[in-house]
């Protein structure tokens, strides 16, 4: 069954995506910026497309890291012992 149709698998994929993006952004902070720099008068970069989505996932992983970590532990227990 595809991960899209199974809620547990969808949560697992989302958690892995968040954790992976946060880890990669920790290694290379400008990885998801797409080589953009701030122009005069701009206050922030425009993050669009796939790289923008990955940047948002990494931001969720950074700001909510205790909750993401706890969710990963709960998901691991669920996958190892309850399935």
PDB file of N, CA and C in Angstrom:
ATOM      1  N   UNK A   1       0.836  -1.172   0.000  1.00  0.00           N
ATOM      2  CA  UNK A   1       0.000   0.000   0.000  1.00  0.00           C
ATOM      3  C   UNK A   1       0.887   1.245   0.000  1.00  0.00           C
ATOM      4  N   UNK A   2       0.473   2.245  -0.681  1.00  0.00           N
ATOM      5  CA  UNK A   2       1.233   3.480  -0.788  1.00  0.00           C
ATOM      6  C   UNK A   2       1.208   4.246   0.530  1.00  0.00           C
ATOM      7  N   UNK A   3       2.259   5.007   0.792  1.00  0.00           N
ATOM      8  CA  UNK A   3       2.341   5.794   2.022  1.00  0.00           C
ATOM      9  C   UNK A   3       1.312   6.917   2.042  1.00  0.00           C
ATOM     10  N   UNK A   4       0.780   7.274   0.899  1.00  0.00           N
ATOM     11  CA  UNK A   4      -0.205   8.345   0.838  1.00  0.00           C
ATOM     12  C   UNK A   4      -1.535   7.899   1.435  1.00  0.00           C
ATOM     13  N   UNK A   5      -1.889   6.635   1.287  1.00  0.00           N
ATOM     14  CA  UNK A   5      -3.192   6.162   1.707  1.00  0.00           C
ATOM     15  C   UNK A   5      -3.210   5.599   3.117  1.00  0.00           C
ATOM     16  N   UNK A   6      -2.075   5.324   3.688  1.00  0.00           N
ATOM     17  CA  UNK A   6      -1.992   4.798   5.043  1.00  0.00           C
ATOM     18  C   UNK A   6      -1.524   5.926   5.959  1.00  0.00           C
ATOM     19  N   UNK A   7      -2.344   6.291   6.952  1.00  0.00           N
ATOM     20  CA  UNK A   7      -2.048   7.447   7.791  1.00  0.00           C
ATOM     21  C   UNK A   7      -0.756   7.274   8.585  1.00  0.00           C
ATOM     22  N   UNK A   8      -0.529   6.085   9.099  1.00  0.00           N
ATOM     23  CA  UNK A   8       0.691   5.823   9.867  1.00  0.00           C
ATOM     24  C   UNK A   8       1.938   5.976   8.990  1.00  0.00           C
ATOM     25  N   UNK A   9       1.880   5.475   7.786  1.00  0.00           N
ATOM     26  CA  UNK A   9       3.016   5.615   6.868  1.00  0.00           C
ATOM     27  C   UNK A   9       3.217   7.056   6.443  1.00  0.00           C
ATOM     28  N   UNK A  10       2.130   7.786   6.251  1.00  0.00           N
ATOM     29  CA  UNK A  10       2.225   9.198   5.901  1.00  0.00           C
ATOM     30  C   UNK A  10       2.902   9.986   7.016  1.00  0.00           C
ATOM     31  N   UNK A  11       2.535   9.710   8.264  1.00  0.00           N
ATOM     32  CA  UNK A  11       3.186  10.378   9.393  1.00  0.00           C
ATOM     33  C   UNK A  11       4.670  10.025   9.465  1.00  0.00           C
ATOM     34  N   UNK A  12       5.003   8.779   9.200  1.00  0.00           N
ATOM     35  CA  UNK A  12       6.400   8.357   9.205  1.00  0.00           C
ATOM     36  C   UNK A  12       7.196   9.093   8.136  1.00  0.00           C
ATOM     37  N   UNK A  13       6.644   9.195   6.948  1.00  0.00           N
ATOM     38  CA  UNK A  13       7.324   9.902   5.859  1.00  0.00           C
ATOM     39  C   UNK A  13       7.502  11.384   6.198  1.00  0.00           C
ATOM     40  N   UNK A  14       6.476  12.013   6.759  1.00  0.00           N
ATOM     41  CA  UNK A  14       6.590  13.424   7.135  1.00  0.00           C
ATOM     42  C   UNK A  14       7.637  13.648   8.227  1.00  0.00           C
ATOM     43  N   UNK A  15       7.649  12.770   9.221  1.00  0.00           N
ATOM     44  CA  UNK A  15       8.659  12.900  10.279  1.00  0.00           C
ATOM     45  C   UNK A  15      10.070  12.709   9.734  1.00  0.00           C
ATOM     46  N   UNK A  16      10.252  11.730   8.863  1.00  0.00           N
ATOM     47  CA  UNK A  16      11.571  11.528   8.256  1.00  0.00           C
ATOM     48  C   UNK A  16      11.982  12.722   7.396  1.00  0.00           C
ATOM     49  N   UNK A  17      11.037  13.300   6.683  1.00  0.00           N
ATOM     50  CA  UNK A  17      11.322  14.482   5.863  1.00  0.00           C
ATOM     51  C   UNK A  17      11.722  15.663   6.734  1.00  0.00           C
ATOM     52  N   UNK A  18      11.001  15.894   7.812  1.00  0.00           N
ATOM     53  CA  UNK A  18      11.317  17.000   8.712  1.00  0.00           C
ATOM     54  C   UNK A  18      12.694  16.803   9.329  1.00  0.00           C
ATOM     55  N   UNK A  19      12.966  15.605   9.825  1.00  0.00           N
ATOM     56  CA  UNK A  19      14.258  15.339  10.474  1.00  0.00           C
ATOM     57  C   UNK A  19      15.411  15.437   9.477  1.00  0.00           C
ATOM     58  N   UNK A  20      15.223  14.919   8.271  1.00  0.00           N
ATOM     59  CA  UNK A  20      16.276  14.968   7.263  1.00  0.00           C
ATOM     60  C   UNK A  20      16.562  16.396   6.833  1.00  0.00           C
ATOM     61  N   UNK A  21      15.525  17.180   6.597  1.00  0.00           N
ATOM     62  CA  UNK A  21      15.721  18.572   6.175  1.00  0.00           C
ATOM     63  C   UNK A  21      16.401  19.393   7.267  1.00  0.00           C
ATOM     64  N   UNK A  22      15.998  19.174   8.527  1.00  0.00           N
ATOM     65  CA  UNK A  22      16.629  19.905   9.631  1.00  0.00           C
ATOM     66  C   UNK A  22      18.105  19.523   9.763  1.00  0.00           C
ATOM     67  N   UNK A  23      18.417  18.252   9.588  1.00  0.00           N
ATOM     68  CA  UNK A  23      19.808  17.805   9.668  1.00  0.00           C
ATOM     69  C   UNK A  23      20.645  18.391   8.530  1.00  0.00           C
ATOM     70  N   UNK A  24      20.109  18.349   7.315  1.00  0.00           N
ATOM     71  CA  UNK A  24      20.856  18.893   6.177  1.00  0.00           C
ATOM     72  C   UNK A  24      21.056  20.397   6.311  1.00  0.00           C
ATOM     73  N   UNK A  25      20.067  21.094   6.818  1.00  0.00           N
ATOM     74  CA  UNK A  25      20.201  22.544   6.995  1.00  0.00           C
ATOM     75  C   UNK A  25      21.202  22.857   8.106  1.00  0.00           C
ATOM     76  N   UNK A  26      21.309  21.978   9.089  1.00  0.00           N
ATOM     77  CA  UNK A  26      22.308  22.164  10.136  1.00  0.00           C
ATOM     78  C   UNK A  26      23.719  22.006   9.572  1.00  0.00           C
ATOM     79  N   UNK A  27      23.895  21.074   8.632  1.00  0.00           N
ATOM     80  CA  UNK A  27      25.206  20.874   8.011  1.00  0.00           C
ATOM     81  C   UNK A  27      25.582  22.028   7.082  1.00  0.00           C
ATOM     82  N   UNK A  28      24.625  22.442   6.243  1.00  0.00           N
ATOM     83  CA  UNK A  28      24.861  23.514   5.269  1.00  0.00           C
ATOM     84  C   UNK A  28      23.707  24.502   5.342  1.00  0.00           C
ATOM     85  N   UNK A  29      23.847  25.586   6.110  1.00  0.00           N
ATOM     86  CA  UNK A  29      22.724  26.508   6.349  1.00  0.00           C
ATOM     87  C   UNK A  29      22.156  27.168   5.094  1.00  0.00           C
ATOM     88  N   UNK A  30      22.949  27.324   4.044  1.00  0.00           N
ATOM     89  CA  UNK A  30      22.438  27.984   2.838  1.00  0.00           C
ATOM     90  C   UNK A  30      21.969  26.997   1.779  1.00  0.00           C
ATOM     91  N   UNK A  31      21.825  25.731   2.145  1.00  0.00           N
ATOM     92  CA  UNK A  31      21.484  24.698   1.173  1.00  0.00           C
ATOM     93  C   UNK A  31      20.133  24.938   0.499  1.00  0.00           C
ATOM     94  N   UNK A  32      19.125  25.355   1.246  1.00  0.00           N
ATOM     95  CA  UNK A  32      17.787  25.510   0.695  1.00  0.00           C
ATOM     96  C   UNK A  32      17.485  26.924   0.234  1.00  0.00           C
ATOM     97  N   UNK A  33      18.477  27.798   0.231  1.00  0.00           N
ATOM     98  CA  UNK A  33      18.256  29.173  -0.220  1.00  0.00           C
ATOM     99  C   UNK A  33      18.354  29.313  -1.728  1.00  0.00           C
ATOM    100  N   UNK A  34      18.894  28.347  -2.405  1.00  0.00           N
ATOM    101  CA  UNK A  34      18.981  28.388  -3.853  1.00  0.00           C
ATOM    102  C   UNK A  34      19.983  29.396  -4.383  1.00  0.00           C
ATOM    103  N   UNK A  35      20.987  29.758  -3.594  1.00  0.00           N
ATOM    104  CA  UNK A  35      22.002  30.698  -4.043  1.00  0.00           C
ATOM    105  C   UNK A  35      21.528  32.143  -4.086  1.00  0.00           C
ATOM    106  N   UNK A  36      20.387  32.430  -3.487  1.00  0.00           N
ATOM    107  CA  UNK A  36      19.863  33.788  -3.486  1.00  0.00           C
ATOM    108  C   UNK A  36      20.542  34.628  -2.421  1.00  0.00           C
ATOM    109  N   UNK A  37      20.613  35.916  -2.680  1.00  0.00           N
ATOM    110  CA  UNK A  37      21.093  36.872  -1.686  1.00  0.00           C
ATOM    111  C   UNK A  37      20.063  37.985  -1.568  1.00  0.00           C
ATOM    112  N   UNK A  38      20.074  38.671  -0.453  1.00  0.00           N
ATOM    113  CA  UNK A  38      19.137  39.765  -0.251  1.00  0.00           C
ATOM    114  C   UNK A  38      19.491  40.950  -1.139  1.00  0.00           C
ATOM    115  N   UNK A  39      18.492  41.471  -1.810  1.00  0.00           N
ATOM    116  CA  UNK A  39      18.670  42.667  -2.620  1.00  0.00           C
ATOM    117  C   UNK A  39      18.408  43.887  -1.738  1.00  0.00           C
ATOM    118  N   UNK A  40      18.911  45.039  -2.112  1.00  0.00           N
ATOM    119  CA  UNK A  40      18.636  46.246  -1.311  1.00  0.00           C
ATOM    120  C   UNK A  40      17.129  46.505  -1.203  1.00  0.00           C
ATOM    121  N   UNK A  41      16.667  46.733  -0.005  1.00  0.00           N
ATOM    122  CA  UNK A  41      15.251  46.989   0.231  1.00  0.00           C
ATOM    123  C   UNK A  41      14.450  45.758   0.587  1.00  0.00           C
ATOM    124  N   UNK A  42      15.018  44.550   0.458  1.00  0.00           N
ATOM    125  CA  UNK A  42      14.314  43.315   0.820  1.00  0.00           C
ATOM    126  C   UNK A  42      14.602  42.975   2.269  1.00  0.00           C
ATOM    127  N   UNK A  43      13.617  42.401   2.917  1.00  0.00           N
ATOM    128  CA  UNK A  43      13.799  42.013   4.312  1.00  0.00           C
ATOM    129  C   UNK A  43      14.007  40.514   4.473  1.00  0.00           C
ATOM    130  N   UNK A  44      13.583  39.721   3.479  1.00  0.00           N
ATOM    131  CA  UNK A  44      13.785  38.277   3.556  1.00  0.00           C
ATOM    132  C   UNK A  44      13.800  37.686   2.149  1.00  0.00           C
ATOM    133  N   UNK A  45      14.341  36.484   2.044  1.00  0.00           N
ATOM    134  CA  UNK A  45      14.412  35.797   0.763  1.00  0.00           C
ATOM    135  C   UNK A  45      13.062  35.203   0.388  1.00  0.00           C
ATOM    136  N   UNK A  46      12.803  35.119  -0.905  1.00  0.00           N
ATOM    137  CA  UNK A  46      11.595  34.460  -1.387  1.00  0.00           C
ATOM    138  C   UNK A  46      11.912  32.990  -1.595  1.00  0.00           C
ATOM    139  N   UNK A  47      11.283  32.172  -0.781  1.00  0.00           N
ATOM    140  CA  UNK A  47      11.520  30.736  -0.879  1.00  0.00           C
ATOM    141  C   UNK A  47      10.287  30.086  -1.478  1.00  0.00           C
ATOM    142  N   UNK A  48      10.413  29.654  -2.726  1.00  0.00           N
ATOM    143  CA  UNK A  48       9.285  29.050  -3.420  1.00  0.00           C
ATOM    144  C   UNK A  48       9.705  27.710  -4.013  1.00  0.00           C
ATOM    145  N   UNK A  49       8.729  26.941  -4.429  1.00  0.00           N
ATOM    146  CA  UNK A  49       9.008  25.672  -5.081  1.00  0.00           C
ATOM    147  C   UNK A  49       9.416  24.584  -4.108  1.00  0.00           C
ATOM    148  N   UNK A  50      10.120  23.608  -4.638  1.00  0.00           N
ATOM    149  CA  UNK A  50      10.527  22.445  -3.852  1.00  0.00           C
ATOM    150  C   UNK A  50      11.529  22.843  -2.769  1.00  0.00           C
ATOM    151  N   UNK A  51      12.491  23.692  -3.106  1.00  0.00           N
ATOM    152  CA  UNK A  51      13.473  24.118  -2.098  1.00  0.00           C
ATOM    153  C   UNK A  51      12.814  24.926  -0.988  1.00  0.00           C
ATOM    154  N   UNK A  52      11.798  25.694  -1.341  1.00  0.00           N
ATOM    155  CA  UNK A  52      11.046  26.427  -0.322  1.00  0.00           C
ATOM    156  C   UNK A  52      10.300  25.499   0.616  1.00  0.00           C
ATOM    157  N   UNK A  53       9.733  24.430   0.059  1.00  0.00           N
ATOM    158  CA  UNK A  53       9.046  23.441   0.886  1.00  0.00           C
ATOM    159  C   UNK A  53      10.028  22.747   1.825  1.00  0.00           C
ATOM    160  N   UNK A  54      11.205  22.374   1.302  1.00  0.00           N
ATOM    161  CA  UNK A  54      12.214  21.745   2.155  1.00  0.00           C
ATOM    162  C   UNK A  54      12.705  22.711   3.223  1.00  0.00           C
ATOM    163  N   UNK A  55      12.819  24.004   2.887  1.00  0.00           N
ATOM    164  CA  UNK A  55      13.227  25.003   3.881  1.00  0.00           C
ATOM    165  C   UNK A  55      12.198  25.084   5.006  1.00  0.00           C
ATOM    166  N   UNK A  56      10.912  25.044   4.646  1.00  0.00           N
ATOM    167  CA  UNK A  56       9.857  25.089   5.658  1.00  0.00           C
ATOM    168  C   UNK A  56       9.884  23.849   6.545  1.00  0.00           C
ATOM    169  N   UNK A  57      10.155  22.688   5.954  1.00  0.00           N
ATOM    170  CA  UNK A  57      10.259  21.471   6.757  1.00  0.00           C
ATOM    171  C   UNK A  57      11.448  21.545   7.716  1.00  0.00           C
ATOM    172  N   UNK A  58      12.558  22.106   7.255  1.00  0.00           N
ATOM    173  CA  UNK A  58      13.718  22.239   8.134  1.00  0.00           C
ATOM    174  C   UNK A  58      13.452  23.249   9.240  1.00  0.00           C
ATOM    175  N   UNK A  59      12.689  24.293   8.948  1.00  0.00           N
ATOM    176  CA  UNK A  59      12.340  25.284   9.975  1.00  0.00           C
ATOM    177  C   UNK A  59      11.437  24.665  11.036  1.00  0.00           C
ATOM    178  N   UNK A  60      10.511  23.813  10.626  1.00  0.00           N
ATOM    179  CA  UNK A  60       9.667  23.103  11.588  1.00  0.00           C
ATOM    180  C   UNK A  60      10.534  22.218  12.476  1.00  0.00           C
ATOM    181  N   UNK A  61      11.498  21.523  11.869  1.00  0.00           N
ATOM    182  CA  UNK A  61      12.392  20.661  12.646  1.00  0.00           C
ATOM    183  C   UNK A  61      13.256  21.423  13.618  1.00  0.00           C
ATOM    184  N   UNK A  62      13.656  22.647  13.263  1.00  0.00           N
ATOM    185  CA  UNK A  62      14.476  23.457  14.158  1.00  0.00           C
ATOM    186  C   UNK A  62      13.665  24.013  15.319  1.00  0.00           C
ATOM    187  N   UNK A  63      12.533  24.561  15.017  1.00  0.00           N
ATOM    188  CA  UNK A  63      11.758  25.261  16.042  1.00  0.00           C
ATOM    189  C   UNK A  63      10.973  24.336  16.948  1.00  0.00           C
ATOM    190  N   UNK A  64      10.594  23.189  16.464  1.00  0.00           N
ATOM    191  CA  UNK A  64       9.795  22.265  17.259  1.00  0.00           C
ATOM    192  C   UNK A  64      10.564  20.982  17.541  1.00  0.00           C
ATOM    193  N   UNK A  65      11.875  21.084  17.709  1.00  0.00           N
ATOM    194  CA  UNK A  65      12.701  19.887  17.829  1.00  0.00           C
ATOM    195  C   UNK A  65      12.331  18.976  19.000  1.00  0.00           C
ATOM    196  N   UNK A  66      11.956  19.467  20.189  1.00  0.00           N
ATOM    197  CA  UNK A  66      11.563  18.506  21.233  1.00  0.00           C
ATOM    198  C   UNK A  66      10.318  17.711  20.856  1.00  0.00           C
ATOM    199  N   UNK A  67       9.362  18.368  20.225  1.00  0.00           N
ATOM    200  CA  UNK A  67       8.129  17.684  19.822  1.00  0.00           C
ATOM    201  C   UNK A  67       8.381  16.724  18.668  1.00  0.00           C
ATOM    202  N   UNK A  68       9.229  17.120  17.736  1.00  0.00           N
ATOM    203  CA  UNK A  68       9.561  16.243  16.615  1.00  0.00           C
ATOM    204  C   UNK A  68      10.322  15.020  17.120  1.00  0.00           C
ATOM    205  N   UNK A  69      11.243  15.220  18.049  1.00  0.00           N
ATOM    206  CA  UNK A  69      11.986  14.103  18.625  1.00  0.00           C
ATOM    207  C   UNK A  69      11.080  13.143  19.379  1.00  0.00           C
ATOM    208  N   UNK A  70      10.149  13.692  20.156  1.00  0.00           N
ATOM    209  CA  UNK A  70       9.204  12.841  20.887  1.00  0.00           C
ATOM    210  C   UNK A  70       8.303  12.083  19.912  1.00  0.00           C
ATOM    211  N   UNK A  71       7.903  12.752  18.837  1.00  0.00           N
ATOM    212  CA  UNK A  71       7.077  12.079  17.824  1.00  0.00           C
ATOM    213  C   UNK A  71       7.837  10.946  17.152  1.00  0.00           C
ATOM    214  N   UNK A  72       9.132  11.150  16.918  1.00  0.00           N
ATOM    215  CA  UNK A  72       9.948  10.082  16.317  1.00  0.00           C
ATOM    216  C   UNK A  72      10.061   8.880  17.249  1.00  0.00           C
ATOM    217  N   UNK A  73      10.210   9.130  18.538  1.00  0.00           N
ATOM    218  CA  UNK A  73      10.283   8.027  19.504  1.00  0.00           C
ATOM    219  C   UNK A  73       8.964   7.272  19.552  1.00  0.00           C
ATOM    220  N   UNK A  74       7.853   8.001  19.597  1.00  0.00           N
ATOM    221  CA  UNK A  74       6.539   7.354  19.624  1.00  0.00           C
ATOM    222  C   UNK A  74       6.309   6.551  18.351  1.00  0.00           C
ATOM    223  N   UNK A  75       6.703   7.120  17.214  1.00  0.00           N
ATOM    224  CA  UNK A  75       6.517   6.404  15.940  1.00  0.00           C
ATOM    225  C   UNK A  75       7.408   5.156  15.900  1.00  0.00           C
ATOM    226  N   UNK A  76       8.625   5.237  16.428  1.00  0.00           N
ATOM    227  CA  UNK A  76       9.499   4.074  16.443  1.00  0.00           C
ATOM    228  C   UNK A  76       8.921   2.960  17.312  1.00  0.00           C
ATOM    229  N   UNK A  77       8.387   3.316  18.475  1.00  0.00           N
ATOM    230  CA  UNK A  77       7.763   2.321  19.354  1.00  0.00           C
ATOM    231  C   UNK A  77       6.556   1.694  18.658  1.00  0.00           C
ATOM    232  N   UNK A  78       5.789   2.546  17.989  1.00  0.00           N
ATOM    233  CA  UNK A  78       4.621   2.052  17.258  1.00  0.00           C
ATOM    234  C   UNK A  78       5.033   1.072  16.159  1.00  0.00           C
ATOM    235  N   UNK A  79       6.064   1.408  15.401  1.00  0.00           N
ATOM    236  CA  UNK A  79       6.488   0.545  14.299  1.00  0.00           C
ATOM    237  C   UNK A  79       7.152  -0.747  14.792  1.00  0.00           C
ATOM    238  N   UNK A  80       7.914  -0.652  15.869  1.00  0.00           N
ATOM    239  CA  UNK A  80       8.650  -1.821  16.343  1.00  0.00           C
ATOM    240  C   UNK A  80       7.787  -2.804  17.121  1.00  0.00           C
ATOM    241  N   UNK A  81       6.918  -2.283  17.969  1.00  0.00           N
ATOM    242  CA  UNK A  81       6.239  -3.172  18.894  1.00  0.00           C
ATOM    243  C   UNK A  81       4.739  -3.347  18.638  1.00  0.00           C
ATOM    244  N   UNK A  82       4.106  -2.405  17.983  1.00  0.00           N
ATOM    245  CA  UNK A  82       2.659  -2.476  17.824  1.00  0.00           C
ATOM    246  C   UNK A  82       2.218  -2.940  16.449  1.00  0.00           C
ATOM    247  N   UNK A  83       3.092  -2.954  15.488  1.00  0.00           N
ATOM    248  CA  UNK A  83       2.699  -3.419  14.146  1.00  0.00           C
ATOM    249  C   UNK A  83       3.200  -4.827  13.922  1.00  0.00           C
TER     250      UNK A  83
END
